[in-house]
Amino acid sequence: MVIEGVIYALAPERMKRVLASVLEQPPSLLRYGGLGLAVAGLVLVWAAKG
């Protein structure tokens, strides 16, 4: 949340454009992208613990 907050604080107009473009993406792309990010996050947590 810290990283996301900093991005919104430093470039709010850019984030508005990014969010608008997300609305134009097909649901399947968002689903697979979210799944990929979730797996990447789990791998990072697992790697940090080991």
N, C-alpha and C. Protein backbone atom coordinates (compact mmCIF):
# COMPACT_ATOMS: atom_id res chain seq x y z
N MET A 1 0.82 -1.18 0.00
CA MET A 1 0.00 0.00 0.00
C MET A 1 0.87 1.25 0.00
N VAL A 2 2.04 1.16 0.58
CA VAL A 2 2.94 2.31 0.59
C VAL A 2 3.33 2.69 -0.83
N ILE A 3 3.71 1.70 -1.61
CA ILE A 3 4.14 1.97 -2.99
C ILE A 3 2.98 2.55 -3.80
N GLU A 4 1.81 1.95 -3.65
CA GLU A 4 0.64 2.45 -4.38
C GLU A 4 0.30 3.88 -3.97
N GLY A 5 0.39 4.17 -2.68
CA GLY A 5 0.11 5.52 -2.20
C GLY A 5 1.08 6.54 -2.75
N VAL A 6 2.35 6.17 -2.84
CA VAL A 6 3.37 7.07 -3.37
C VAL A 6 3.11 7.35 -4.85
N ILE A 7 2.72 6.33 -5.58
CA ILE A 7 2.43 6.52 -7.01
C ILE A 7 1.28 7.50 -7.19
N TYR A 8 0.22 7.32 -6.41
CA TYR A 8 -0.93 8.24 -6.51
C TYR A 8 -0.53 9.66 -6.09
N ALA A 9 0.35 9.78 -5.11
CA ALA A 9 0.77 11.10 -4.64
C ALA A 9 1.66 11.81 -5.66
N LEU A 10 2.52 11.06 -6.33
CA LEU A 10 3.47 11.68 -7.25
C LEU A 10 2.90 11.92 -8.65
N ALA A 11 1.98 11.07 -9.09
CA ALA A 11 1.47 11.19 -10.46
C ALA A 11 -0.04 10.91 -10.51
N PRO A 12 -0.85 11.75 -9.88
CA PRO A 12 -2.28 11.47 -9.84
C PRO A 12 -2.96 11.48 -11.22
N GLU A 13 -2.56 12.37 -12.09
CA GLU A 13 -3.17 12.43 -13.42
C GLU A 13 -2.81 11.19 -14.24
N ARG A 14 -1.59 10.74 -14.12
CA ARG A 14 -1.16 9.52 -14.83
C ARG A 14 -1.96 8.32 -14.33
N MET A 15 -2.18 8.24 -13.03
CA MET A 15 -2.94 7.13 -12.48
C MET A 15 -4.39 7.16 -12.94
N LYS A 16 -4.95 8.34 -13.13
CA LYS A 16 -6.31 8.44 -13.67
C LYS A 16 -6.36 7.84 -15.07
N ARG A 17 -5.35 8.15 -15.88
CA ARG A 17 -5.30 7.61 -17.25
C ARG A 17 -5.12 6.09 -17.23
N VAL A 18 -4.28 5.61 -16.33
CA VAL A 18 -4.05 4.16 -16.22
C VAL A 18 -5.35 3.46 -15.82
N LEU A 19 -6.05 4.01 -14.85
CA LEU A 19 -7.29 3.39 -14.39
C LEU A 19 -8.36 3.43 -15.49
N ALA A 20 -8.40 4.50 -16.26
CA ALA A 20 -9.35 4.58 -17.37
C ALA A 20 -9.05 3.51 -18.42
N SER A 21 -7.76 3.26 -18.66
CA SER A 21 -7.41 2.24 -19.65
C SER A 21 -7.73 0.84 -19.14
N VAL A 22 -7.67 0.64 -17.83
CA VAL A 22 -8.03 -0.66 -17.26
C VAL A 22 -9.49 -0.98 -17.55
N LEU A 23 -10.35 0.03 -17.51
CA LEU A 23 -11.77 -0.19 -17.77
C LEU A 23 -12.03 -0.66 -19.20
N GLU A 24 -11.12 -0.38 -20.11
CA GLU A 24 -11.28 -0.77 -21.51
C GLU A 24 -10.78 -2.18 -21.80
N GLN A 25 -10.09 -2.80 -20.84
CA GLN A 25 -9.51 -4.13 -21.07
C GLN A 25 -10.58 -5.21 -20.90
N PRO A 26 -10.44 -6.30 -21.64
CA PRO A 26 -11.39 -7.41 -21.48
C PRO A 26 -11.22 -8.06 -20.10
N PRO A 27 -12.31 -8.57 -19.54
CA PRO A 27 -12.23 -9.20 -18.22
C PRO A 27 -11.21 -10.34 -18.13
N SER A 28 -11.06 -11.10 -19.20
CA SER A 28 -10.11 -12.22 -19.15
C SER A 28 -8.68 -11.73 -18.96
N LEU A 29 -8.33 -10.62 -19.59
CA LEU A 29 -6.99 -10.07 -19.42
C LEU A 29 -6.77 -9.62 -17.98
N LEU A 30 -7.75 -8.97 -17.40
CA LEU A 30 -7.64 -8.54 -16.01
C LEU A 30 -7.56 -9.74 -15.06
N ARG A 31 -8.34 -10.79 -15.36
CA ARG A 31 -8.34 -11.99 -14.53
C ARG A 31 -6.96 -12.66 -14.54
N TYR A 32 -6.42 -12.87 -15.74
CA TYR A 32 -5.12 -13.53 -15.84
C TYR A 32 -3.98 -12.64 -15.31
N GLY A 33 -4.10 -11.35 -15.53
CA GLY A 33 -3.11 -10.44 -14.99
C GLY A 33 -3.12 -10.44 -13.46
N GLY A 34 -4.32 -10.42 -12.88
CA GLY A 34 -4.44 -10.48 -11.42
C GLY A 34 -3.91 -11.78 -10.86
N LEU A 35 -4.21 -12.89 -11.54
CA LEU A 35 -3.71 -14.19 -11.10
C LEU A 35 -2.18 -14.22 -11.16
N GLY A 36 -1.62 -13.68 -12.24
CA GLY A 36 -0.17 -13.64 -12.36
C GLY A 36 0.48 -12.81 -11.27
N LEU A 37 -0.12 -11.67 -10.96
CA LEU A 37 0.44 -10.82 -9.89
C LEU A 37 0.31 -11.49 -8.53
N ALA A 38 -0.80 -12.21 -8.29
CA ALA A 38 -0.97 -12.91 -7.03
C ALA A 38 0.10 -14.00 -6.86
N VAL A 39 0.36 -14.74 -7.94
CA VAL A 39 1.38 -15.79 -7.89
C VAL A 39 2.76 -15.17 -7.68
N ALA A 40 3.04 -14.07 -8.38
CA ALA A 40 4.33 -13.39 -8.20
C ALA A 40 4.50 -12.92 -6.76
N GLY A 41 3.43 -12.40 -6.18
CA GLY A 41 3.49 -11.95 -4.78
C GLY A 41 3.77 -13.10 -3.83
N LEU A 42 3.11 -14.24 -4.07
CA LEU A 42 3.37 -15.42 -3.22
C LEU A 42 4.80 -15.89 -3.35
N VAL A 43 5.32 -15.88 -4.56
CA VAL A 43 6.72 -16.29 -4.78
C VAL A 43 7.67 -15.35 -4.05
N LEU A 44 7.39 -14.05 -4.11
CA LEU A 44 8.25 -13.08 -3.41
C LEU A 44 8.21 -13.28 -1.90
N VAL A 45 7.02 -13.51 -1.35
CA VAL A 45 6.92 -13.76 0.09
C VAL A 45 7.63 -15.05 0.46
N TRP A 46 7.45 -16.09 -0.35
CA TRP A 46 8.12 -17.35 -0.09
C TRP A 46 9.64 -17.20 -0.14
N ALA A 47 10.14 -16.45 -1.12
CA ALA A 47 11.57 -16.24 -1.27
C ALA A 47 12.13 -15.41 -0.10
N ALA A 48 11.35 -14.44 0.38
CA ALA A 48 11.81 -13.60 1.48
C ALA A 48 11.88 -14.40 2.79
N LYS A 49 11.02 -15.37 2.94
CA LYS A 49 11.02 -16.18 4.16
C LYS A 49 12.19 -17.16 4.19
N GLY A 50 12.63 -17.60 3.00
CA GLY A 50 13.66 -18.64 2.91
C GLY A 50 15.00 -18.11 2.91
